PDB file of N, CA and C in Angstrom:
ATOM      1  N   UNK A   1       6.694  13.397 -34.831  1.00  0.00           N
ATOM      2  CA  UNK A   1       5.597  13.835 -33.994  1.00  0.00           C
ATOM      3  C   UNK A   1       4.273  13.273 -34.495  1.00  0.00           C
ATOM      4  N   UNK A   2       4.101  13.246 -35.789  1.00  0.00           N
ATOM      5  CA  UNK A   2       2.878  12.698 -36.366  1.00  0.00           C
ATOM      6  C   UNK A   2       2.769  11.211 -36.086  1.00  0.00           C
ATOM      7  N   UNK A   3       3.913  10.579 -35.888  1.00  0.00           N
ATOM      8  CA  UNK A   3       3.959   9.156 -35.577  1.00  0.00           C
ATOM      9  C   UNK A   3       3.351   8.855 -34.206  1.00  0.00           C
ATOM     10  N   UNK A   4       3.382   9.831 -33.309  1.00  0.00           N
ATOM     11  CA  UNK A   4       2.883   9.634 -31.949  1.00  0.00           C
ATOM     12  C   UNK A   4       1.427  10.062 -31.773  1.00  0.00           C
ATOM     13  N   UNK A   5       0.789  10.543 -32.804  1.00  0.00           N
ATOM     14  CA  UNK A   5      -0.593  10.985 -32.708  1.00  0.00           C
ATOM     15  C   UNK A   5      -1.532   9.889 -32.205  1.00  0.00           C
ATOM     16  N   UNK A   6      -1.413   8.633 -32.680  1.00  0.00           N
ATOM     17  CA  UNK A   6      -2.282   7.583 -32.107  1.00  0.00           C
ATOM     18  C   UNK A   6      -2.038   7.337 -30.621  1.00  0.00           C
ATOM     19  N   UNK A   7      -0.809   7.507 -30.170  1.00  0.00           N
ATOM     20  CA  UNK A   7      -0.502   7.331 -28.742  1.00  0.00           C
ATOM     21  C   UNK A   7      -1.219   8.407 -27.937  1.00  0.00           C
ATOM     22  N   UNK A   8      -1.147   9.647 -28.419  1.00  0.00           N
ATOM     23  CA  UNK A   8      -1.822  10.737 -27.733  1.00  0.00           C
ATOM     24  C   UNK A   8      -3.334  10.538 -27.726  1.00  0.00           C
ATOM     25  N   UNK A   9      -3.868   9.975 -28.797  1.00  0.00           N
ATOM     26  CA  UNK A   9      -5.299   9.718 -28.868  1.00  0.00           C
ATOM     27  C   UNK A   9      -5.715   8.703 -27.808  1.00  0.00           C
ATOM     28  N   UNK A  10      -4.934   7.643 -27.649  1.00  0.00           N
ATOM     29  CA  UNK A  10      -5.238   6.643 -26.625  1.00  0.00           C
ATOM     30  C   UNK A  10      -5.096   7.252 -25.233  1.00  0.00           C
ATOM     31  N   UNK A  11      -4.075   8.074 -25.032  1.00  0.00           N
ATOM     32  CA  UNK A  11      -3.902   8.732 -23.732  1.00  0.00           C
ATOM     33  C   UNK A  11      -5.052   9.684 -23.436  1.00  0.00           C
ATOM     34  N   UNK A  12      -5.549  10.380 -24.455  1.00  0.00           N
ATOM     35  CA  UNK A  12      -6.688  11.268 -24.264  1.00  0.00           C
ATOM     36  C   UNK A  12      -7.928  10.472 -23.862  1.00  0.00           C
ATOM     37  N   UNK A  13      -8.122   9.318 -24.466  1.00  0.00           N
ATOM     38  CA  UNK A  13      -9.249   8.468 -24.089  1.00  0.00           C
ATOM     39  C   UNK A  13      -9.125   7.918 -22.685  1.00  0.00           C
ATOM     40  N   UNK A  14      -7.905   7.786 -22.199  1.00  0.00           N
ATOM     41  CA  UNK A  14      -7.665   7.274 -20.845  1.00  0.00           C
ATOM     42  C   UNK A  14      -7.544   8.377 -19.808  1.00  0.00           C
ATOM     43  N   UNK A  15      -7.772   9.606 -20.199  1.00  0.00           N
ATOM     44  CA  UNK A  15      -7.562  10.724 -19.278  1.00  0.00           C
ATOM     45  C   UNK A  15      -8.456  10.690 -18.042  1.00  0.00           C
ATOM     46  N   UNK A  16      -9.722  10.239 -18.107  1.00  0.00           N
ATOM     47  CA  UNK A  16     -10.489  10.169 -16.850  1.00  0.00           C
ATOM     48  C   UNK A  16      -9.857   9.212 -15.832  1.00  0.00           C
ATOM     49  N   UNK A  17      -9.374   8.077 -16.302  1.00  0.00           N
ATOM     50  CA  UNK A  17      -8.727   7.128 -15.394  1.00  0.00           C
ATOM     51  C   UNK A  17      -7.404   7.695 -14.882  1.00  0.00           C
ATOM     52  N   UNK A  18      -6.698   8.425 -15.728  1.00  0.00           N
ATOM     53  CA  UNK A  18      -5.446   9.050 -15.321  1.00  0.00           C
ATOM     54  C   UNK A  18      -5.705  10.074 -14.213  1.00  0.00           C
ATOM     55  N   UNK A  19      -6.743  10.875 -14.367  1.00  0.00           N
ATOM     56  CA  UNK A  19      -7.088  11.863 -13.340  1.00  0.00           C
ATOM     57  C   UNK A  19      -7.474  11.152 -12.043  1.00  0.00           C
ATOM     58  N   UNK A  20      -8.220  10.058 -12.148  1.00  0.00           N
ATOM     59  CA  UNK A  20      -8.612   9.304 -10.952  1.00  0.00           C
ATOM     60  C   UNK A  20      -7.386   8.742 -10.235  1.00  0.00           C
ATOM     61  N   UNK A  21      -6.403   8.288 -10.977  1.00  0.00           N
ATOM     62  CA  UNK A  21      -5.198   7.754 -10.328  1.00  0.00           C
ATOM     63  C   UNK A  21      -4.388   8.865  -9.677  1.00  0.00           C
ATOM     64  N   UNK A  22      -4.353  10.040 -10.290  1.00  0.00           N
ATOM     65  CA  UNK A  22      -3.654  11.173  -9.662  1.00  0.00           C
ATOM     66  C   UNK A  22      -4.362  11.554  -8.360  1.00  0.00           C
ATOM     67  N   UNK A  23      -5.693  11.571  -8.374  1.00  0.00           N
ATOM     68  CA  UNK A  23      -6.460  11.847  -7.153  1.00  0.00           C
ATOM     69  C   UNK A  23      -6.163  10.773  -6.108  1.00  0.00           C
ATOM     70  N   UNK A  24      -6.061   9.519  -6.523  1.00  0.00           N
ATOM     71  CA  UNK A  24      -5.725   8.443  -5.592  1.00  0.00           C
ATOM     72  C   UNK A  24      -4.353   8.625  -4.973  1.00  0.00           C
ATOM     73  N   UNK A  25      -3.400   9.072  -5.756  1.00  0.00           N
ATOM     74  CA  UNK A  25      -2.050   9.321  -5.232  1.00  0.00           C
ATOM     75  C   UNK A  25      -2.079  10.456  -4.218  1.00  0.00           C
ATOM     76  N   UNK A  26      -2.801  11.526  -4.534  1.00  0.00           N
ATOM     77  CA  UNK A  26      -2.905  12.654  -3.609  1.00  0.00           C
ATOM     78  C   UNK A  26      -3.612  12.223  -2.322  1.00  0.00           C
ATOM     79  N   UNK A  27      -4.688  11.451  -2.459  1.00  0.00           N
ATOM     80  CA  UNK A  27      -5.419  10.982  -1.271  1.00  0.00           C
ATOM     81  C   UNK A  27      -4.550  10.062  -0.415  1.00  0.00           C
ATOM     82  N   UNK A  28      -3.745   9.232  -1.050  1.00  0.00           N
ATOM     83  CA  UNK A  28      -2.872   8.355  -0.257  1.00  0.00           C
ATOM     84  C   UNK A  28      -1.821   9.169   0.489  1.00  0.00           C
ATOM     85  N   UNK A  29      -1.360  10.255  -0.123  1.00  0.00           N
ATOM     86  CA  UNK A  29      -0.409  11.121   0.585  1.00  0.00           C
ATOM     87  C   UNK A  29      -1.076  11.825   1.760  1.00  0.00           C
ATOM     88  N   UNK A  30      -2.328  12.241   1.576  1.00  0.00           N
ATOM     89  CA  UNK A  30      -3.041  12.946   2.648  1.00  0.00           C
ATOM     90  C   UNK A  30      -3.376  12.030   3.824  1.00  0.00           C
ATOM     91  N   UNK A  31      -3.678  10.769   3.546  1.00  0.00           N
ATOM     92  CA  UNK A  31      -4.076   9.831   4.602  1.00  0.00           C
ATOM     93  C   UNK A  31      -2.932   8.949   5.092  1.00  0.00           C
ATOM     94  N   UNK A  32      -1.715   9.212   4.649  1.00  0.00           N
ATOM     95  CA  UNK A  32      -0.579   8.357   4.992  1.00  0.00           C
ATOM     96  C   UNK A  32      -0.378   8.252   6.502  1.00  0.00           C
ATOM     97  N   UNK A  33      -0.489   9.360   7.222  1.00  0.00           N
ATOM     98  CA  UNK A  33      -0.232   9.337   8.670  1.00  0.00           C
ATOM     99  C   UNK A  33      -1.331   8.586   9.427  1.00  0.00           C
ATOM    100  N   UNK A  34      -2.554   8.673   8.942  1.00  0.00           N
ATOM    101  CA  UNK A  34      -3.681   8.058   9.658  1.00  0.00           C
ATOM    102  C   UNK A  34      -3.789   6.558   9.379  1.00  0.00           C
ATOM    103  N   UNK A  35      -3.693   6.161   8.114  1.00  0.00           N
ATOM    104  CA  UNK A  35      -3.805   4.743   7.736  1.00  0.00           C
ATOM    105  C   UNK A  35      -2.698   4.401   6.737  1.00  0.00           C
ATOM    106  N   UNK A  36      -1.492   4.157   7.232  1.00  0.00           N
ATOM    107  CA  UNK A  36      -0.353   3.976   6.323  1.00  0.00           C
ATOM    108  C   UNK A  36      -0.462   2.750   5.419  1.00  0.00           C
ATOM    109  N   UNK A  37      -0.987   1.636   5.926  1.00  0.00           N
ATOM    110  CA  UNK A  37      -1.067   0.437   5.094  1.00  0.00           C
ATOM    111  C   UNK A  37      -2.039   0.647   3.929  1.00  0.00           C
ATOM    112  N   UNK A  38      -3.209   1.181   4.214  1.00  0.00           N
ATOM    113  CA  UNK A  38      -4.193   1.434   3.168  1.00  0.00           C
ATOM    114  C   UNK A  38      -3.667   2.463   2.172  1.00  0.00           C
ATOM    115  N   UNK A  39      -2.996   3.494   2.671  1.00  0.00           N
ATOM    116  CA  UNK A  39      -2.432   4.515   1.786  1.00  0.00           C
ATOM    117  C   UNK A  39      -1.358   3.931   0.881  1.00  0.00           C
ATOM    118  N   UNK A  40      -0.535   3.051   1.415  1.00  0.00           N
ATOM    119  CA  UNK A  40       0.494   2.408   0.605  1.00  0.00           C
ATOM    120  C   UNK A  40      -0.125   1.527  -0.476  1.00  0.00           C
ATOM    121  N   UNK A  41      -1.154   0.775  -0.119  1.00  0.00           N
ATOM    122  CA  UNK A  41      -1.816  -0.082  -1.107  1.00  0.00           C
ATOM    123  C   UNK A  41      -2.465   0.740  -2.216  1.00  0.00           C
ATOM    124  N   UNK A  42      -3.093   1.847  -1.855  1.00  0.00           N
ATOM    125  CA  UNK A  42      -3.693   2.719  -2.866  1.00  0.00           C
ATOM    126  C   UNK A  42      -2.601   3.329  -3.740  1.00  0.00           C
ATOM    127  N   UNK A  43      -1.507   3.746  -3.141  1.00  0.00           N
ATOM    128  CA  UNK A  43      -0.402   4.327  -3.901  1.00  0.00           C
ATOM    129  C   UNK A  43       0.162   3.321  -4.907  1.00  0.00           C
ATOM    130  N   UNK A  44       0.395   2.101  -4.472  1.00  0.00           N
ATOM    131  CA  UNK A  44       0.921   1.064  -5.375  1.00  0.00           C
ATOM    132  C   UNK A  44      -0.070   0.780  -6.496  1.00  0.00           C
ATOM    133  N   UNK A  45      -1.353   0.686  -6.160  1.00  0.00           N
ATOM    134  CA  UNK A  45      -2.375   0.429  -7.169  1.00  0.00           C
ATOM    135  C   UNK A  45      -2.438   1.566  -8.187  1.00  0.00           C
ATOM    136  N   UNK A  46      -2.351   2.798  -7.723  1.00  0.00           N
ATOM    137  CA  UNK A  46      -2.419   3.945  -8.638  1.00  0.00           C
ATOM    138  C   UNK A  46      -1.197   4.029  -9.539  1.00  0.00           C
ATOM    139  N   UNK A  47      -0.030   3.764  -8.991  1.00  0.00           N
ATOM    140  CA  UNK A  47       1.187   3.782  -9.821  1.00  0.00           C
ATOM    141  C   UNK A  47       1.125   2.669 -10.866  1.00  0.00           C
ATOM    142  N   UNK A  48       0.677   1.482 -10.469  1.00  0.00           N
ATOM    143  CA  UNK A  48       0.513   0.394 -11.444  1.00  0.00           C
ATOM    144  C   UNK A  48      -0.495   0.769 -12.526  1.00  0.00           C
ATOM    145  N   UNK A  49      -1.568   1.432 -12.148  1.00  0.00           N
ATOM    146  CA  UNK A  49      -2.574   1.831 -13.130  1.00  0.00           C
ATOM    147  C   UNK A  49      -2.014   2.864 -14.112  1.00  0.00           C
ATOM    148  N   UNK A  50      -1.220   3.795 -13.620  1.00  0.00           N
ATOM    149  CA  UNK A  50      -0.598   4.772 -14.519  1.00  0.00           C
ATOM    150  C   UNK A  50       0.342   4.072 -15.487  1.00  0.00           C
ATOM    151  N   UNK A  51       1.120   3.115 -14.985  1.00  0.00           N
ATOM    152  CA  UNK A  51       2.009   2.353 -15.873  1.00  0.00           C
ATOM    153  C   UNK A  51       1.202   1.576 -16.917  1.00  0.00           C
ATOM    154  N   UNK A  52       0.069   1.014 -16.505  1.00  0.00           N
ATOM    155  CA  UNK A  52      -0.784   0.299 -17.456  1.00  0.00           C
ATOM    156  C   UNK A  52      -1.383   1.240 -18.502  1.00  0.00           C
ATOM    157  N   UNK A  53      -1.733   2.435 -18.095  1.00  0.00           N
ATOM    158  CA  UNK A  53      -2.271   3.410 -19.053  1.00  0.00           C
ATOM    159  C   UNK A  53      -1.231   3.722 -20.119  1.00  0.00           C
ATOM    160  N   UNK A  54       0.000   3.995 -19.698  1.00  0.00           N
ATOM    161  CA  UNK A  54       1.047   4.313 -20.669  1.00  0.00           C
ATOM    162  C   UNK A  54       1.433   3.101 -21.516  1.00  0.00           C
ATOM    163  N   UNK A  55       1.444   1.925 -20.912  1.00  0.00           N
ATOM    164  CA  UNK A  55       1.761   0.720 -21.686  1.00  0.00           C
ATOM    165  C   UNK A  55       0.673   0.430 -22.711  1.00  0.00           C
ATOM    166  N   UNK A  56      -0.578   0.611 -22.340  1.00  0.00           N
ATOM    167  CA  UNK A  56      -1.677   0.400 -23.289  1.00  0.00           C
ATOM    168  C   UNK A  56      -1.612   1.407 -24.414  1.00  0.00           C
ATOM    169  N   UNK A  57      -1.271   2.648 -24.101  1.00  0.00           N
ATOM    170  CA  UNK A  57      -1.119   3.665 -25.141  1.00  0.00           C
ATOM    171  C   UNK A  57       0.015   3.310 -26.089  1.00  0.00           C
ATOM    172  N   UNK A  58       1.100   2.779 -25.538  1.00  0.00           N
ATOM    173  CA  UNK A  58       2.233   2.397 -26.383  1.00  0.00           C
ATOM    174  C   UNK A  58       1.881   1.216 -27.282  1.00  0.00           C
ATOM    175  N   UNK A  59       1.198   0.225 -26.716  1.00  0.00           N
ATOM    176  CA  UNK A  59       0.842  -0.954 -27.506  1.00  0.00           C
ATOM    177  C   UNK A  59      -0.203  -0.604 -28.560  1.00  0.00           C
ATOM    178  N   UNK A  60      -1.267   0.064 -28.133  1.00  0.00           N
ATOM    179  CA  UNK A  60      -2.361   0.359 -29.065  1.00  0.00           C
ATOM    180  C   UNK A  60      -2.040   1.486 -30.025  1.00  0.00           C
ATOM    181  N   UNK A  61      -1.339   2.484 -29.549  1.00  0.00           N
ATOM    182  CA  UNK A  61      -1.098   3.659 -30.378  1.00  0.00           C
ATOM    183  C   UNK A  61       0.185   3.639 -31.177  1.00  0.00           C
ATOM    184  N   UNK A  62       1.168   2.856 -30.745  1.00  0.00           N
ATOM    185  CA  UNK A  62       2.423   2.845 -31.486  1.00  0.00           C
ATOM    186  C   UNK A  62       2.712   1.470 -32.085  1.00  0.00           C
ATOM    187  N   UNK A  63       2.659   0.428 -31.276  1.00  0.00           N
ATOM    188  CA  UNK A  63       3.040  -0.893 -31.757  1.00  0.00           C
ATOM    189  C   UNK A  63       2.106  -1.412 -32.846  1.00  0.00           C
ATOM    190  N   UNK A  64       0.804  -1.341 -32.602  1.00  0.00           N
ATOM    191  CA  UNK A  64      -0.153  -1.904 -33.556  1.00  0.00           C
ATOM    192  C   UNK A  64      -0.058  -1.233 -34.925  1.00  0.00           C
ATOM    193  N   UNK A  65      -0.047   0.110 -35.021  1.00  0.00           N
ATOM    194  CA  UNK A  65       0.088   0.705 -36.360  1.00  0.00           C
ATOM    195  C   UNK A  65       1.397   0.339 -37.052  1.00  0.00           C
ATOM    196  N   UNK A  66       2.486   0.280 -36.307  1.00  0.00           N
ATOM    197  CA  UNK A  66       3.768  -0.078 -36.923  1.00  0.00           C
ATOM    198  C   UNK A  66       3.801  -1.543 -37.343  1.00  0.00           C
ATOM    199  N   UNK A  67       3.247  -2.409 -36.509  1.00  0.00           N
ATOM    200  CA  UNK A  67       3.226  -3.824 -36.862  1.00  0.00           C
ATOM    201  C   UNK A  67       2.308  -4.086 -38.046  1.00  0.00           C
ATOM    202  N   UNK A  68       1.199  -3.376 -38.112  1.00  0.00           N
ATOM    203  CA  UNK A  68       0.288  -3.536 -39.258  1.00  0.00           C
ATOM    204  C   UNK A  68       0.980  -3.102 -40.554  1.00  0.00           C
ATOM    205  N   UNK A  69       1.730  -2.038 -40.471  1.00  0.00           N
ATOM    206  CA  UNK A  69       2.428  -1.537 -41.649  1.00  0.00           C
ATOM    207  C   UNK A  69       3.574  -2.467 -42.057  1.00  0.00           C
ATOM    208  N   UNK A  70       4.300  -2.987 -41.081  1.00  0.00           N
ATOM    209  CA  UNK A  70       5.490  -3.772 -41.379  1.00  0.00           C
ATOM    210  C   UNK A  70       5.210  -5.262 -41.557  1.00  0.00           C
ATOM    211  N   UNK A  71       4.389  -5.857 -40.681  1.00  0.00           N
ATOM    212  CA  UNK A  71       4.235  -7.307 -40.664  1.00  0.00           C
ATOM    213  C   UNK A  71       2.863  -7.796 -41.080  1.00  0.00           C
ATOM    214  N   UNK A  72       1.883  -6.966 -41.019  1.00  0.00           N
ATOM    215  CA  UNK A  72       0.534  -7.408 -41.324  1.00  0.00           C
ATOM    216  C   UNK A  72      -0.199  -7.841 -40.075  1.00  0.00           C
ATOM    217  N   UNK A  73      -1.478  -8.124 -40.228  1.00  0.00           N
ATOM    218  CA  UNK A  73      -2.342  -8.414 -39.087  1.00  0.00           C
ATOM    219  C   UNK A  73      -2.033  -9.748 -38.428  1.00  0.00           C
ATOM    220  N   UNK A  74      -1.570 -10.719 -39.183  1.00  0.00           N
ATOM    221  CA  UNK A  74      -1.343 -12.046 -38.620  1.00  0.00           C
ATOM    222  C   UNK A  74      -0.236 -12.015 -37.572  1.00  0.00           C
ATOM    223  N   UNK A  75       0.780 -11.200 -37.780  1.00  0.00           N
ATOM    224  CA  UNK A  75       1.917 -11.164 -36.866  1.00  0.00           C
ATOM    225  C   UNK A  75       1.553 -10.589 -35.504  1.00  0.00           C
ATOM    226  N   UNK A  76       0.583  -9.693 -35.457  1.00  0.00           N
ATOM    227  CA  UNK A  76       0.283  -9.056 -34.174  1.00  0.00           C
ATOM    228  C   UNK A  76      -0.830  -9.747 -33.394  1.00  0.00           C
ATOM    229  N   UNK A  77      -1.464 -10.750 -33.966  1.00  0.00           N
ATOM    230  CA  UNK A  77      -2.553 -11.425 -33.260  1.00  0.00           C
ATOM    231  C   UNK A  77      -2.083 -12.056 -31.959  1.00  0.00           C
ATOM    232  N   UNK A  78      -0.950 -12.723 -31.994  1.00  0.00           N
ATOM    233  CA  UNK A  78      -0.438 -13.367 -30.785  1.00  0.00           C
ATOM    234  C   UNK A  78       0.009 -12.338 -29.756  1.00  0.00           C
ATOM    235  N   UNK A  79       0.631 -11.283 -30.216  1.00  0.00           N
ATOM    236  CA  UNK A  79       1.079 -10.241 -29.295  1.00  0.00           C
ATOM    237  C   UNK A  79      -0.112  -9.581 -28.621  1.00  0.00           C
ATOM    238  N   UNK A  80      -1.152  -9.297 -29.378  1.00  0.00           N
ATOM    239  CA  UNK A  80      -2.334  -8.654 -28.810  1.00  0.00           C
ATOM    240  C   UNK A  80      -3.080  -9.600 -27.864  1.00  0.00           C
ATOM    241  N   UNK A  81      -3.089 -10.893 -28.180  1.00  0.00           N
ATOM    242  CA  UNK A  81      -3.715 -11.854 -27.274  1.00  0.00           C
ATOM    243  C   UNK A  81      -2.945 -11.901 -25.955  1.00  0.00           C
ATOM    244  N   UNK A  82      -1.621 -11.964 -26.040  1.00  0.00           N
ATOM    245  CA  UNK A  82      -0.790 -11.961 -24.840  1.00  0.00           C
ATOM    246  C   UNK A  82      -0.991 -10.670 -24.056  1.00  0.00           C
ATOM    247  N   UNK A  83      -0.996  -9.540 -24.754  1.00  0.00           N
ATOM    248  CA  UNK A  83      -1.159  -8.255 -24.086  1.00  0.00           C
ATOM    249  C   UNK A  83      -2.530  -8.165 -23.409  1.00  0.00           C
ATOM    250  N   UNK A  84      -3.574  -8.666 -24.057  1.00  0.00           N
ATOM    251  CA  UNK A  84      -4.910  -8.636 -23.469  1.00  0.00           C
ATOM    252  C   UNK A  84      -4.978  -9.422 -22.179  1.00  0.00           C
ATOM    253  N   UNK A  85      -4.401 -10.612 -22.164  1.00  0.00           N
ATOM    254  CA  UNK A  85      -4.408 -11.437 -20.951  1.00  0.00           C
ATOM    255  C   UNK A  85      -3.545 -10.788 -19.864  1.00  0.00           C
ATOM    256  N   UNK A  86      -2.363 -10.331 -20.216  1.00  0.00           N
ATOM    257  CA  UNK A  86      -1.450  -9.703 -19.269  1.00  0.00           C
ATOM    258  C   UNK A  86      -2.064  -8.433 -18.681  1.00  0.00           C
ATOM    259  N   UNK A  87      -2.658  -7.608 -19.537  1.00  0.00           N
ATOM    260  CA  UNK A  87      -3.286  -6.370 -19.107  1.00  0.00           C
ATOM    261  C   UNK A  87      -4.465  -6.664 -18.176  1.00  0.00           C
ATOM    262  N   UNK A  88      -5.241  -7.673 -18.496  1.00  0.00           N
ATOM    263  CA  UNK A  88      -6.372  -8.051 -17.659  1.00  0.00           C
ATOM    264  C   UNK A  88      -5.906  -8.539 -16.289  1.00  0.00           C
ATOM    265  N   UNK A  89      -4.858  -9.337 -16.257  1.00  0.00           N
ATOM    266  CA  UNK A  89      -4.322  -9.815 -14.981  1.00  0.00           C
ATOM    267  C   UNK A  89      -3.790  -8.667 -14.126  1.00  0.00           C
ATOM    268  N   UNK A  90      -3.114  -7.725 -14.754  1.00  0.00           N
ATOM    269  CA  UNK A  90      -2.598  -6.592 -13.992  1.00  0.00           C
ATOM    270  C   UNK A  90      -3.724  -5.693 -13.490  1.00  0.00           C
ATOM    271  N   UNK A  91      -4.779  -5.525 -14.292  1.00  0.00           N
ATOM    272  CA  UNK A  91      -5.927  -4.754 -13.817  1.00  0.00           C
ATOM    273  C   UNK A  91      -6.609  -5.465 -12.640  1.00  0.00           C
ATOM    274  N   UNK A  92      -6.666  -6.784 -12.687  1.00  0.00           N
ATOM    275  CA  UNK A  92      -7.227  -7.537 -11.561  1.00  0.00           C
ATOM    276  C   UNK A  92      -6.362  -7.345 -10.314  1.00  0.00           C
ATOM    277  N   UNK A  93      -5.059  -7.314 -10.487  1.00  0.00           N
ATOM    278  CA  UNK A  93      -4.153  -7.063  -9.365  1.00  0.00           C
ATOM    279  C   UNK A  93      -4.384  -5.672  -8.786  1.00  0.00           C
ATOM    280  N   UNK A  94      -4.509  -4.679  -9.651  1.00  0.00           N
ATOM    281  CA  UNK A  94      -4.763  -3.311  -9.197  1.00  0.00           C
ATOM    282  C   UNK A  94      -6.082  -3.252  -8.428  1.00  0.00           C
ATOM    283  N   UNK A  95      -7.114  -3.865  -8.969  1.00  0.00           N
ATOM    284  CA  UNK A  95      -8.413  -3.858  -8.294  1.00  0.00           C
ATOM    285  C   UNK A  95      -8.328  -4.590  -6.958  1.00  0.00           C
ATOM    286  N   UNK A  96      -7.607  -5.701  -6.932  1.00  0.00           N
ATOM    287  CA  UNK A  96      -7.420  -6.430  -5.679  1.00  0.00           C
ATOM    288  C   UNK A  96      -6.699  -5.593  -4.636  1.00  0.00           C
ATOM    289  N   UNK A  97      -5.699  -4.828  -5.053  1.00  0.00           N
ATOM    290  CA  UNK A  97      -5.002  -3.938  -4.115  1.00  0.00           C
ATOM    291  C   UNK A  97      -5.950  -2.881  -3.560  1.00  0.00           C
ATOM    292  N   UNK A  98      -6.827  -2.363  -4.411  1.00  0.00           N
ATOM    293  CA  UNK A  98      -7.785  -1.359  -3.945  1.00  0.00           C
ATOM    294  C   UNK A  98      -8.796  -1.958  -2.972  1.00  0.00           C
ATOM    295  N   UNK A  99      -9.238  -3.186  -3.234  1.00  0.00           N
ATOM    296  CA  UNK A  99     -10.157  -3.854  -2.303  1.00  0.00           C
ATOM    297  C   UNK A  99      -9.450  -4.121  -0.982  1.00  0.00           C
ATOM    298  N   UNK A 100      -8.207  -4.582  -1.051  1.00  0.00           N
ATOM    299  CA  UNK A 100      -7.427  -4.818   0.159  1.00  0.00           C
ATOM    300  C   UNK A 100      -7.258  -3.514   0.944  1.00  0.00           C
ATOM    301  N   UNK A 101      -6.989  -2.412   0.227  1.00  0.00           N
ATOM    302  CA  UNK A 101      -6.815  -1.113   0.885  1.00  0.00           C
ATOM    303  C   UNK A 101      -8.092  -0.670   1.587  1.00  0.00           C
ATOM    304  N   UNK A 102      -9.240  -1.021   1.028  1.00  0.00           N
ATOM    305  CA  UNK A 102     -10.503  -0.614   1.638  1.00  0.00           C
ATOM    306  C   UNK A 102     -10.698  -1.237   3.008  1.00  0.00           C
ATOM    307  N   UNK A 103     -10.123  -2.404   3.228  1.00  0.00           N
ATOM    308  CA  UNK A 103     -10.327  -3.104   4.495  1.00  0.00           C
ATOM    309  C   UNK A 103      -9.068  -3.191   5.342  1.00  0.00           C
ATOM    310  N   UNK A 104      -7.956  -2.661   4.867  1.00  0.00           N
ATOM    311  CA  UNK A 104      -6.692  -2.742   5.610  1.00  0.00           C
ATOM    312  C   UNK A 104      -6.712  -1.788   6.796  1.00  0.00           C
ATOM    313  N   UNK A 105      -6.169  -2.248   7.903  1.00  0.00           N
ATOM    314  CA  UNK A 105      -6.005  -1.405   9.074  1.00  0.00           C
ATOM    315  C   UNK A 105      -7.265  -1.212   9.895  1.00  0.00           C
ATOM    316  N   UNK A 106      -8.286  -1.951   9.586  1.00  0.00           N
ATOM    317  CA  UNK A 106      -9.517  -1.834  10.372  1.00  0.00           C
ATOM    318  C   UNK A 106      -9.432  -2.815  11.530  1.00  0.00           C
ATOM    319  N   UNK A 107      -9.779  -2.338  12.688  1.00  0.00           N
ATOM    320  CA  UNK A 107      -9.768  -3.195  13.870  1.00  0.00           C
ATOM    321  C   UNK A 107     -10.958  -4.123  13.865  1.00  0.00           C
ATOM    322  N   UNK A 108     -10.862  -5.156  14.656  1.00  0.00           N
ATOM    323  CA  UNK A 108     -11.977  -6.080  14.806  1.00  0.00           C
ATOM    324  C   UNK A 108     -13.001  -5.471  15.748  1.00  0.00           C
ATOM    325  N   UNK A 109     -14.227  -5.471  15.337  1.00  0.00           N
ATOM    326  CA  UNK A 109     -15.262  -4.892  16.201  1.00  0.00           C
ATOM    327  C   UNK A 109     -15.940  -6.016  16.985  1.00  0.00           C
ATOM    328  N   UNK A 110     -16.414  -5.645  18.142  1.00  0.00           N
ATOM    329  CA  UNK A 110     -17.121  -6.603  18.978  1.00  0.00           C
ATOM    330  C   UNK A 110     -18.499  -6.877  18.390  1.00  0.00           C
ATOM    331  N   UNK A 111     -18.954  -8.102  18.490  1.00  0.00           N
ATOM    332  CA  UNK A 111     -20.291  -8.380  17.957  1.00  0.00           C
ATOM    333  C   UNK A 111     -21.359  -7.590  18.710  1.00  0.00           C
ATOM    334  N   UNK A 112     -22.361  -7.191  17.992  1.00  0.00           N
ATOM    335  CA  UNK A 112     -23.434  -6.413  18.618  1.00  0.00           C
ATOM    336  C   UNK A 112     -24.454  -7.337  19.269  1.00  0.00           C
ATOM    337  N   UNK A 113     -25.002  -6.893  20.386  1.00  0.00           N
ATOM    338  CA  UNK A 113     -26.033  -7.693  21.080  1.00  0.00           C
ATOM    339  C   UNK A 113     -27.370  -7.477  20.396  1.00  0.00           C
ATOM    340  N   UNK A 114     -28.114  -8.545  20.269  1.00  0.00           N
ATOM    341  CA  UNK A 114     -29.425  -8.447  19.606  1.00  0.00           C
ATOM    342  C   UNK A 114     -30.521  -8.702  20.574  1.00  0.00           C
TER     343      UNK A 114
END
């Protein structure tokens, strides 16, 4: 249990984002009938964000302390570089899904006369 304390610490630091993703999931369920495409995109983005939160907690809170103890700092530099790029790309995907959801299902409006 003491081994997981750093994981819990990272999860506690990510709790505002976790709450926001839970709210996003609830909102997508509430708006599913009215705007299904946008609700689906928000749902996928929120689930991906929750997975990223737990993966970041696992990498930062469990892997890094164990790798530092077992292999030293040099061994984890490449893993952390890979994780940083991968995590950034997935966050960009999540943000892109949210932007897409903001404009999905909107009809084309007629130009206004000036």
